[in-house]
């Protein structure tokens, strides 16, 4: 299960606080929330501090979001390695 909390930042900035596992249906939920936030805000950040597991499909969604200038923050070394190892020469 994935819990997504919306935290308003400064003007046109939003942070999605993620808690739990990014798997199965949660991937579509996360993608939809990101799309909505990007349409309404100039800047989006994903706080991954509460994420305990990410499936391969979830990693791909995070990489796609990062390529769209979404900031990924507060993630563990393990998640950093997952992001790094499944993407060609991309620094996170």
PDB file of N, CA and C in Angstrom:
ATOM      1  N   UNK A   1       0.829  -1.173   0.000  1.00  0.00           N
ATOM      2  CA  UNK A   1       0.000   0.000   0.000  1.00  0.00           C
ATOM      3  C   UNK A   1       0.880   1.245   0.000  1.00  0.00           C
ATOM      4  N   UNK A   2       0.434   2.260  -0.725  1.00  0.00           N
ATOM      5  CA  UNK A   2       1.163   3.515  -0.805  1.00  0.00           C
ATOM      6  C   UNK A   2       0.260   4.647  -0.339  1.00  0.00           C
ATOM      7  N   UNK A   3       0.767   5.435   0.591  1.00  0.00           N
ATOM      8  CA  UNK A   3       0.058   6.626   1.038  1.00  0.00           C
ATOM      9  C   UNK A   3       0.743   7.833   0.400  1.00  0.00           C
ATOM     10  N   UNK A   4      -0.066   8.700  -0.218  1.00  0.00           N
ATOM     11  CA  UNK A   4       0.455   9.907  -0.850  1.00  0.00           C
ATOM     12  C   UNK A   4      -0.187  11.115  -0.173  1.00  0.00           C
ATOM     13  N   UNK A   5       0.645  11.957   0.429  1.00  0.00           N
ATOM     14  CA  UNK A   5       0.178  13.181   1.073  1.00  0.00           C
ATOM     15  C   UNK A   5       0.685  14.368   0.270  1.00  0.00           C
ATOM     16  N   UNK A   6      -0.177  15.334   0.055  1.00  0.00           N
ATOM     17  CA  UNK A   6       0.191  16.526  -0.697  1.00  0.00           C
ATOM     18  C   UNK A   6       0.585  17.623   0.278  1.00  0.00           C
ATOM     19  N   UNK A   7       1.780  18.164   0.067  1.00  0.00           N
ATOM     20  CA  UNK A   7       2.298  19.246   0.899  1.00  0.00           C
ATOM     21  C   UNK A   7       2.541  20.440  -0.014  1.00  0.00           C
ATOM     22  N   UNK A   8       1.898  21.525   0.282  1.00  0.00           N
ATOM     23  CA  UNK A   8       2.079  22.749  -0.515  1.00  0.00           C
ATOM     24  C   UNK A   8       3.377  23.420  -0.113  1.00  0.00           C
ATOM     25  N   UNK A   9       4.145  23.804  -1.110  1.00  0.00           N
ATOM     26  CA  UNK A   9       5.358  24.564  -0.861  1.00  0.00           C
ATOM     27  C   UNK A   9       5.092  26.025  -1.140  1.00  0.00           C
ATOM     28  N   UNK A  10       6.047  26.670  -1.726  1.00  0.00           N
ATOM     29  CA  UNK A  10       5.873  28.061  -2.121  1.00  0.00           C
ATOM     30  C   UNK A  10       4.978  28.125  -3.357  1.00  0.00           C
ATOM     31  N   UNK A  11       4.815  29.306  -3.921  1.00  0.00           N
ATOM     32  CA  UNK A  11       3.967  29.481  -5.108  1.00  0.00           C
ATOM     33  C   UNK A  11       4.300  28.452  -6.190  1.00  0.00           C
ATOM     34  N   UNK A  12       3.278  27.805  -6.690  1.00  0.00           N
ATOM     35  CA  UNK A  12       3.396  26.844  -7.788  1.00  0.00           C
ATOM     36  C   UNK A  12       4.369  25.699  -7.522  1.00  0.00           C
ATOM     37  N   UNK A  13       4.525  25.329  -6.274  1.00  0.00           N
ATOM     38  CA  UNK A  13       5.367  24.198  -5.916  1.00  0.00           C
ATOM     39  C   UNK A  13       4.568  23.272  -5.016  1.00  0.00           C
ATOM     40  N   UNK A  14       4.687  21.969  -5.284  1.00  0.00           N
ATOM     41  CA  UNK A  14       4.016  20.984  -4.449  1.00  0.00           C
ATOM     42  C   UNK A  14       4.984  19.822  -4.207  1.00  0.00           C
ATOM     43  N   UNK A  15       4.868  19.250  -3.015  1.00  0.00           N
ATOM     44  CA  UNK A  15       5.643  18.065  -2.658  1.00  0.00           C
ATOM     45  C   UNK A  15       4.656  16.941  -2.387  1.00  0.00           C
ATOM     46  N   UNK A  16       4.910  15.792  -2.984  1.00  0.00           N
ATOM     47  CA  UNK A  16       4.133  14.599  -2.656  1.00  0.00           C
ATOM     48  C   UNK A  16       4.971  13.755  -1.708  1.00  0.00           C
ATOM     49  N   UNK A  17       4.474  13.574  -0.490  1.00  0.00           N
ATOM     50  CA  UNK A  17       5.134  12.756   0.515  1.00  0.00           C
ATOM     51  C   UNK A  17       4.641  11.325   0.334  1.00  0.00           C
ATOM     52  N   UNK A  18       5.556  10.418   0.020  1.00  0.00           N
ATOM     53  CA  UNK A  18       5.204   9.029  -0.254  1.00  0.00           C
ATOM     54  C   UNK A  18       5.605   8.146   0.919  1.00  0.00           C
ATOM     55  N   UNK A  19       4.678   7.261   1.307  1.00  0.00           N
ATOM     56  CA  UNK A  19       4.944   6.333   2.414  1.00  0.00           C
ATOM     57  C   UNK A  19       4.422   4.949   2.047  1.00  0.00           C
ATOM     58  N   UNK A  20       5.296   3.965   2.156  1.00  0.00           N
ATOM     59  CA  UNK A  20       4.883   2.589   1.882  1.00  0.00           C
ATOM     60  C   UNK A  20       5.629   2.002   0.697  1.00  0.00           C
ATOM     61  N   UNK A  21       4.910   1.140  -0.026  1.00  0.00           N
ATOM     62  CA  UNK A  21       5.508   0.386  -1.126  1.00  0.00           C
ATOM     63  C   UNK A  21       4.969   0.874  -2.468  1.00  0.00           C
ATOM     64  N   UNK A  22       5.878   1.093  -3.419  1.00  0.00           N
ATOM     65  CA  UNK A  22       5.473   1.501  -4.759  1.00  0.00           C
ATOM     66  C   UNK A  22       5.448   0.243  -5.630  1.00  0.00           C
ATOM     67  N   UNK A  23       4.292  -0.405  -5.638  1.00  0.00           N
ATOM     68  CA  UNK A  23       4.098  -1.652  -6.380  1.00  0.00           C
ATOM     69  C   UNK A  23       2.681  -1.676  -6.949  1.00  0.00           C
ATOM     70  N   UNK A  24       2.462  -2.558  -7.910  1.00  0.00           N
ATOM     71  CA  UNK A  24       1.140  -2.848  -8.484  1.00  0.00           C
ATOM     72  C   UNK A  24       0.300  -1.604  -8.732  1.00  0.00           C
ATOM     73  N   UNK A  25      -0.897  -1.569  -8.175  1.00  0.00           N
ATOM     74  CA  UNK A  25      -1.832  -0.457  -8.390  1.00  0.00           C
ATOM     75  C   UNK A  25      -1.303   0.877  -7.882  1.00  0.00           C
ATOM     76  N   UNK A  26      -0.425   0.835  -6.928  1.00  0.00           N
ATOM     77  CA  UNK A  26       0.138   2.082  -6.392  1.00  0.00           C
ATOM     78  C   UNK A  26       0.941   2.833  -7.448  1.00  0.00           C
ATOM     79  N   UNK A  27       1.484   2.116  -8.422  1.00  0.00           N
ATOM     80  CA  UNK A  27       2.262   2.750  -9.481  1.00  0.00           C
ATOM     81  C   UNK A  27       1.356   3.658 -10.313  1.00  0.00           C
ATOM     82  N   UNK A  28       0.195   3.148 -10.700  1.00  0.00           N
ATOM     83  CA  UNK A  28      -0.767   3.953 -11.466  1.00  0.00           C
ATOM     84  C   UNK A  28      -1.266   5.125 -10.628  1.00  0.00           C
ATOM     85  N   UNK A  29      -1.500   4.886  -9.344  1.00  0.00           N
ATOM     86  CA  UNK A  29      -1.937   5.948  -8.433  1.00  0.00           C
ATOM     87  C   UNK A  29      -0.886   7.055  -8.369  1.00  0.00           C
ATOM     88  N   UNK A  30       0.377   6.677  -8.219  1.00  0.00           N
ATOM     89  CA  UNK A  30       1.463   7.649  -8.151  1.00  0.00           C
ATOM     90  C   UNK A  30       1.568   8.424  -9.459  1.00  0.00           C
ATOM     91  N   UNK A  31       1.519   7.717 -10.587  1.00  0.00           N
ATOM     92  CA  UNK A  31       1.620   8.370 -11.885  1.00  0.00           C
ATOM     93  C   UNK A  31       0.497   9.392 -12.053  1.00  0.00           C
ATOM     94  N   UNK A  32      -0.729   9.008 -11.721  1.00  0.00           N
ATOM     95  CA  UNK A  32      -1.870   9.910 -11.840  1.00  0.00           C
ATOM     96  C   UNK A  32      -1.718  11.142 -10.952  1.00  0.00           C
ATOM     97  N   UNK A  33      -1.272  10.953  -9.719  1.00  0.00           N
ATOM     98  CA  UNK A  33      -1.068  12.080  -8.807  1.00  0.00           C
ATOM     99  C   UNK A  33       0.009  13.025  -9.343  1.00  0.00           C
ATOM    100  N   UNK A  34       1.067  12.463  -9.900  1.00  0.00           N
ATOM    101  CA  UNK A  34       2.132  13.289 -10.463  1.00  0.00           C
ATOM    102  C   UNK A  34       1.622  14.092 -11.653  1.00  0.00           C
ATOM    103  N   UNK A  35       0.878  13.441 -12.521  1.00  0.00           N
ATOM    104  CA  UNK A  35       0.333  14.129 -13.697  1.00  0.00           C
ATOM    105  C   UNK A  35      -0.563  15.302 -13.284  1.00  0.00           C
ATOM    106  N   UNK A  36      -1.433  15.070 -12.328  1.00  0.00           N
ATOM    107  CA  UNK A  36      -2.321  16.138 -11.851  1.00  0.00           C
ATOM    108  C   UNK A  36      -1.515  17.286 -11.249  1.00  0.00           C
ATOM    109  N   UNK A  37      -0.533  16.945 -10.436  1.00  0.00           N
ATOM    110  CA  UNK A  37       0.287  17.974  -9.791  1.00  0.00           C
ATOM    111  C   UNK A  37       1.084  18.769 -10.819  1.00  0.00           C
ATOM    112  N   UNK A  38       1.610  18.103 -11.838  1.00  0.00           N
ATOM    113  CA  UNK A  38       2.388  18.794 -12.864  1.00  0.00           C
ATOM    114  C   UNK A  38       1.528  19.741 -13.693  1.00  0.00           C
ATOM    115  N   UNK A  39       0.276  19.390 -13.892  1.00  0.00           N
ATOM    116  CA  UNK A  39      -0.625  20.267 -14.649  1.00  0.00           C
ATOM    117  C   UNK A  39      -0.962  21.534 -13.876  1.00  0.00           C
ATOM    118  N   UNK A  40      -0.939  21.452 -12.557  1.00  0.00           N
ATOM    119  CA  UNK A  40      -1.364  22.570 -11.718  1.00  0.00           C
ATOM    120  C   UNK A  40      -0.213  23.363 -11.109  1.00  0.00           C
ATOM    121  N   UNK A  41       1.010  22.859 -11.209  1.00  0.00           N
ATOM    122  CA  UNK A  41       2.145  23.487 -10.533  1.00  0.00           C
ATOM    123  C   UNK A  41       3.354  23.538 -11.451  1.00  0.00           C
ATOM    124  N   UNK A  42       4.205  24.533 -11.213  1.00  0.00           N
ATOM    125  CA  UNK A  42       5.431  24.662 -11.991  1.00  0.00           C
ATOM    126  C   UNK A  42       6.504  23.679 -11.536  1.00  0.00           C
ATOM    127  N   UNK A  43       6.455  23.298 -10.286  1.00  0.00           N
ATOM    128  CA  UNK A  43       7.499  22.420  -9.746  1.00  0.00           C
ATOM    129  C   UNK A  43       6.875  21.337  -8.871  1.00  0.00           C
ATOM    130  N   UNK A  44       7.363  20.118  -9.053  1.00  0.00           N
ATOM    131  CA  UNK A  44       6.906  18.989  -8.259  1.00  0.00           C
ATOM    132  C   UNK A  44       8.110  18.276  -7.675  1.00  0.00           C
ATOM    133  N   UNK A  45       8.002  17.904  -6.406  1.00  0.00           N
ATOM    134  CA  UNK A  45       9.031  17.100  -5.751  1.00  0.00           C
ATOM    135  C   UNK A  45       8.358  15.883  -5.128  1.00  0.00           C
ATOM    136  N   UNK A  46       9.053  14.768  -5.172  1.00  0.00           N
ATOM    137  CA  UNK A  46       8.585  13.539  -4.531  1.00  0.00           C
ATOM    138  C   UNK A  46       9.508  13.244  -3.364  1.00  0.00           C
ATOM    139  N   UNK A  47       8.950  13.236  -2.153  1.00  0.00           N
ATOM    140  CA  UNK A  47       9.705  12.912  -0.942  1.00  0.00           C
ATOM    141  C   UNK A  47       9.562  11.411  -0.714  1.00  0.00           C
ATOM    142  N   UNK A  48      10.655  10.694  -0.905  1.00  0.00           N
ATOM    143  CA  UNK A  48      10.655   9.231  -0.830  1.00  0.00           C
ATOM    144  C   UNK A  48      11.113   8.708   0.534  1.00  0.00           C
ATOM    145  N   UNK A  49      11.177   9.567   1.534  1.00  0.00           N
ATOM    146  CA  UNK A  49      11.681   9.177   2.850  1.00  0.00           C
ATOM    147  C   UNK A  49      10.919   8.058   3.511  1.00  0.00           C
ATOM    148  N   UNK A  50       9.631   7.926   3.226  1.00  0.00           N
ATOM    149  CA  UNK A  50       8.818   6.886   3.837  1.00  0.00           C
ATOM    150  C   UNK A  50       8.607   5.665   2.960  1.00  0.00           C
ATOM    151  N   UNK A  51       9.316   5.599   1.839  1.00  0.00           N
ATOM    152  CA  UNK A  51       9.155   4.471   0.921  1.00  0.00           C
ATOM    153  C   UNK A  51      10.012   3.305   1.396  1.00  0.00           C
ATOM    154  N   UNK A  52       9.396   2.135   1.504  1.00  0.00           N
ATOM    155  CA  UNK A  52      10.107   0.952   1.988  1.00  0.00           C
ATOM    156  C   UNK A  52      10.496  -0.019   0.884  1.00  0.00           C
ATOM    157  N   UNK A  53       9.826   0.072  -0.265  1.00  0.00           N
ATOM    158  CA  UNK A  53      10.140  -0.829  -1.383  1.00  0.00           C
ATOM    159  C   UNK A  53       9.616  -0.217  -2.674  1.00  0.00           C
ATOM    160  N   UNK A  54      10.356  -0.426  -3.759  1.00  0.00           N
ATOM    161  CA  UNK A  54       9.916   0.016  -5.085  1.00  0.00           C
ATOM    162  C   UNK A  54      10.158  -1.125  -6.066  1.00  0.00           C
ATOM    163  N   UNK A  55       9.111  -1.524  -6.786  1.00  0.00           N
ATOM    164  CA  UNK A  55       9.259  -2.558  -7.805  1.00  0.00           C
ATOM    165  C   UNK A  55       9.991  -1.976  -9.020  1.00  0.00           C
ATOM    166  N   UNK A  56      10.388  -2.841  -9.939  1.00  0.00           N
ATOM    167  CA  UNK A  56      11.071  -2.389 -11.160  1.00  0.00           C
ATOM    168  C   UNK A  56      10.193  -1.414 -11.947  1.00  0.00           C
ATOM    169  N   UNK A  57       8.907  -1.683 -12.020  1.00  0.00           N
ATOM    170  CA  UNK A  57       7.989  -0.781 -12.725  1.00  0.00           C
ATOM    171  C   UNK A  57       7.900   0.563 -12.004  1.00  0.00           C
ATOM    172  N   UNK A  58       7.948   0.543 -10.694  1.00  0.00           N
ATOM    173  CA  UNK A  58       7.933   1.774  -9.912  1.00  0.00           C
ATOM    174  C   UNK A  58       9.190   2.601 -10.143  1.00  0.00           C
ATOM    175  N   UNK A  59      10.332   1.934 -10.249  1.00  0.00           N
ATOM    176  CA  UNK A  59      11.591   2.620 -10.549  1.00  0.00           C
ATOM    177  C   UNK A  59      11.491   3.331 -11.893  1.00  0.00           C
ATOM    178  N   UNK A  60      10.885   2.670 -12.872  1.00  0.00           N
ATOM    179  CA  UNK A  60      10.747   3.284 -14.196  1.00  0.00           C
ATOM    180  C   UNK A  60       9.890   4.548 -14.141  1.00  0.00           C
ATOM    181  N   UNK A  61       8.825   4.521 -13.346  1.00  0.00           N
ATOM    182  CA  UNK A  61       7.983   5.712 -13.203  1.00  0.00           C
ATOM    183  C   UNK A  61       8.780   6.841 -12.549  1.00  0.00           C
ATOM    184  N   UNK A  62       9.554   6.529 -11.521  1.00  0.00           N
ATOM    185  CA  UNK A  62      10.361   7.564 -10.867  1.00  0.00           C
ATOM    186  C   UNK A  62      11.400   8.135 -11.824  1.00  0.00           C
ATOM    187  N   UNK A  63      12.007   7.282 -12.630  1.00  0.00           N
ATOM    188  CA  UNK A  63      12.977   7.764 -13.601  1.00  0.00           C
ATOM    189  C   UNK A  63      12.312   8.652 -14.650  1.00  0.00           C
ATOM    190  N   UNK A  64      11.120   8.283 -15.081  1.00  0.00           N
ATOM    191  CA  UNK A  64      10.389   9.120 -16.027  1.00  0.00           C
ATOM    192  C   UNK A  64      10.087  10.482 -15.419  1.00  0.00           C
ATOM    193  N   UNK A  65       9.652  10.480 -14.163  1.00  0.00           N
ATOM    194  CA  UNK A  65       9.348  11.741 -13.500  1.00  0.00           C
ATOM    195  C   UNK A  65      10.613  12.594 -13.373  1.00  0.00           C
ATOM    196  N   UNK A  66      11.726  11.973 -13.021  1.00  0.00           N
ATOM    197  CA  UNK A  66      12.995  12.712 -12.910  1.00  0.00           C
ATOM    198  C   UNK A  66      13.390  13.314 -14.258  1.00  0.00           C
ATOM    199  N   UNK A  67      13.127  12.601 -15.346  1.00  0.00           N
ATOM    200  CA  UNK A  67      13.455  13.130 -16.674  1.00  0.00           C
ATOM    201  C   UNK A  67      12.557  14.308 -17.047  1.00  0.00           C
ATOM    202  N   UNK A  68      11.434  14.445 -16.344  1.00  0.00           N
ATOM    203  CA  UNK A  68      10.509  15.558 -16.568  1.00  0.00           C
ATOM    204  C   UNK A  68      10.721  16.667 -15.540  1.00  0.00           C
ATOM    205  N   UNK A  69      11.898  16.694 -14.936  1.00  0.00           N
ATOM    206  CA  UNK A  69      12.313  17.729 -13.985  1.00  0.00           C
ATOM    207  C   UNK A  69      11.600  17.642 -12.644  1.00  0.00           C
ATOM    208  N   UNK A  70      11.022  16.494 -12.309  1.00  0.00           N
ATOM    209  CA  UNK A  70      10.466  16.277 -10.973  1.00  0.00           C
ATOM    210  C   UNK A  70      11.646  15.952 -10.052  1.00  0.00           C
ATOM    211  N   UNK A  71      11.698  16.604  -8.914  1.00  0.00           N
ATOM    212  CA  UNK A  71      12.782  16.403  -7.959  1.00  0.00           C
ATOM    213  C   UNK A  71      12.460  15.204  -7.065  1.00  0.00           C
ATOM    214  N   UNK A  72      13.409  14.291  -6.951  1.00  0.00           N
ATOM    215  CA  UNK A  72      13.282  13.149  -6.041  1.00  0.00           C
ATOM    216  C   UNK A  72      14.134  13.462  -4.821  1.00  0.00           C
ATOM    217  N   UNK A  73      13.536  13.396  -3.630  1.00  0.00           N
ATOM    218  CA  UNK A  73      14.267  13.776  -2.423  1.00  0.00           C
ATOM    219  C   UNK A  73      14.121  12.725  -1.330  1.00  0.00           C
ATOM    220  N   UNK A  74      15.029  12.806  -0.365  1.00  0.00           N
ATOM    221  CA  UNK A  74      14.928  12.089   0.903  1.00  0.00           C
ATOM    222  C   UNK A  74      14.834  10.574   0.726  1.00  0.00           C
ATOM    223  N   UNK A  75      15.579  10.032  -0.219  1.00  0.00           N
ATOM    224  CA  UNK A  75      15.524   8.585  -0.444  1.00  0.00           C
ATOM    225  C   UNK A  75      16.750   7.905   0.147  1.00  0.00           C
ATOM    226  N   UNK A  76      16.597   6.634   0.430  1.00  0.00           N
ATOM    227  CA  UNK A  76      17.668   5.855   1.054  1.00  0.00           C
ATOM    228  C   UNK A  76      18.761   5.528   0.040  1.00  0.00           C
ATOM    229  N   UNK A  77      19.877   5.100   0.555  1.00  0.00           N
ATOM    230  CA  UNK A  77      20.972   4.652  -0.300  1.00  0.00           C
ATOM    231  C   UNK A  77      20.571   3.472  -1.168  1.00  0.00           C
ATOM    232  N   UNK A  78      19.744   2.592  -0.628  1.00  0.00           N
ATOM    233  CA  UNK A  78      19.269   1.431  -1.392  1.00  0.00           C
ATOM    234  C   UNK A  78      18.432   1.879  -2.580  1.00  0.00           C
ATOM    235  N   UNK A  79      17.531   2.817  -2.363  1.00  0.00           N
ATOM    236  CA  UNK A  79      16.699   3.311  -3.457  1.00  0.00           C
ATOM    237  C   UNK A  79      17.563   4.070  -4.461  1.00  0.00           C
ATOM    238  N   UNK A  80      18.529   4.831  -3.991  1.00  0.00           N
ATOM    239  CA  UNK A  80      19.446   5.532  -4.895  1.00  0.00           C
ATOM    240  C   UNK A  80      20.153   4.537  -5.805  1.00  0.00           C
ATOM    241  N   UNK A  81      20.584   3.432  -5.246  1.00  0.00           N
ATOM    242  CA  UNK A  81      21.270   2.406  -6.036  1.00  0.00           C
ATOM    243  C   UNK A  81      20.334   1.764  -7.051  1.00  0.00           C
ATOM    244  N   UNK A  82      19.069   1.532  -6.666  1.00  0.00           N
ATOM    245  CA  UNK A  82      18.089   0.993  -7.607  1.00  0.00           C
ATOM    246  C   UNK A  82      17.899   1.953  -8.781  1.00  0.00           C
ATOM    247  N   UNK A  83      17.762   3.226  -8.475  1.00  0.00           N
ATOM    248  CA  UNK A  83      17.588   4.232  -9.523  1.00  0.00           C
ATOM    249  C   UNK A  83      18.811   4.291 -10.424  1.00  0.00           C
ATOM    250  N   UNK A  84      19.973   4.263  -9.823  1.00  0.00           N
ATOM    251  CA  UNK A  84      21.227   4.369 -10.565  1.00  0.00           C
ATOM    252  C   UNK A  84      21.482   3.138 -11.411  1.00  0.00           C
ATOM    253  N   UNK A  85      21.294   1.953 -10.833  1.00  0.00           N
ATOM    254  CA  UNK A  85      21.652   0.716 -11.528  1.00  0.00           C
ATOM    255  C   UNK A  85      20.699   0.377 -12.674  1.00  0.00           C
ATOM    256  N   UNK A  86      19.496   0.897 -12.642  1.00  0.00           N
ATOM    257  CA  UNK A  86      18.560   0.562 -13.716  1.00  0.00           C
ATOM    258  C   UNK A  86      18.439   1.686 -14.739  1.00  0.00           C
ATOM    259  N   UNK A  87      19.351   2.663 -14.687  1.00  0.00           N
ATOM    260  CA  UNK A  87      19.336   3.760 -15.647  1.00  0.00           C
ATOM    261  C   UNK A  87      20.746   4.040 -16.107  1.00  0.00           C
ATOM    262  N   UNK A  88      20.965   4.169 -17.394  1.00  0.00           N
ATOM    263  CA  UNK A  88      22.282   4.364 -17.960  1.00  0.00           C
ATOM    264  C   UNK A  88      22.878   5.702 -17.585  1.00  0.00           C
ATOM    265  N   UNK A  89      23.929   5.667 -16.775  1.00  0.00           N
ATOM    266  CA  UNK A  89      24.726   6.855 -16.444  1.00  0.00           C
ATOM    267  C   UNK A  89      23.916   8.068 -15.985  1.00  0.00           C
ATOM    268  N   UNK A  90      22.873   7.852 -15.244  1.00  0.00           N
ATOM    269  CA  UNK A  90      22.056   8.959 -14.737  1.00  0.00           C
ATOM    270  C   UNK A  90      22.386   9.162 -13.261  1.00  0.00           C
ATOM    271  N   UNK A  91      22.699  10.381 -12.884  1.00  0.00           N
ATOM    272  CA  UNK A  91      22.983  10.680 -11.477  1.00  0.00           C
ATOM    273  C   UNK A  91      21.707  11.075 -10.780  1.00  0.00           C
ATOM    274  N   UNK A  92      21.464  10.513  -9.614  1.00  0.00           N
ATOM    275  CA  UNK A  92      20.306  10.855  -8.782  1.00  0.00           C
ATOM    276  C   UNK A  92      20.797  11.318  -7.449  1.00  0.00           C
TER     277      UNK A  92
END
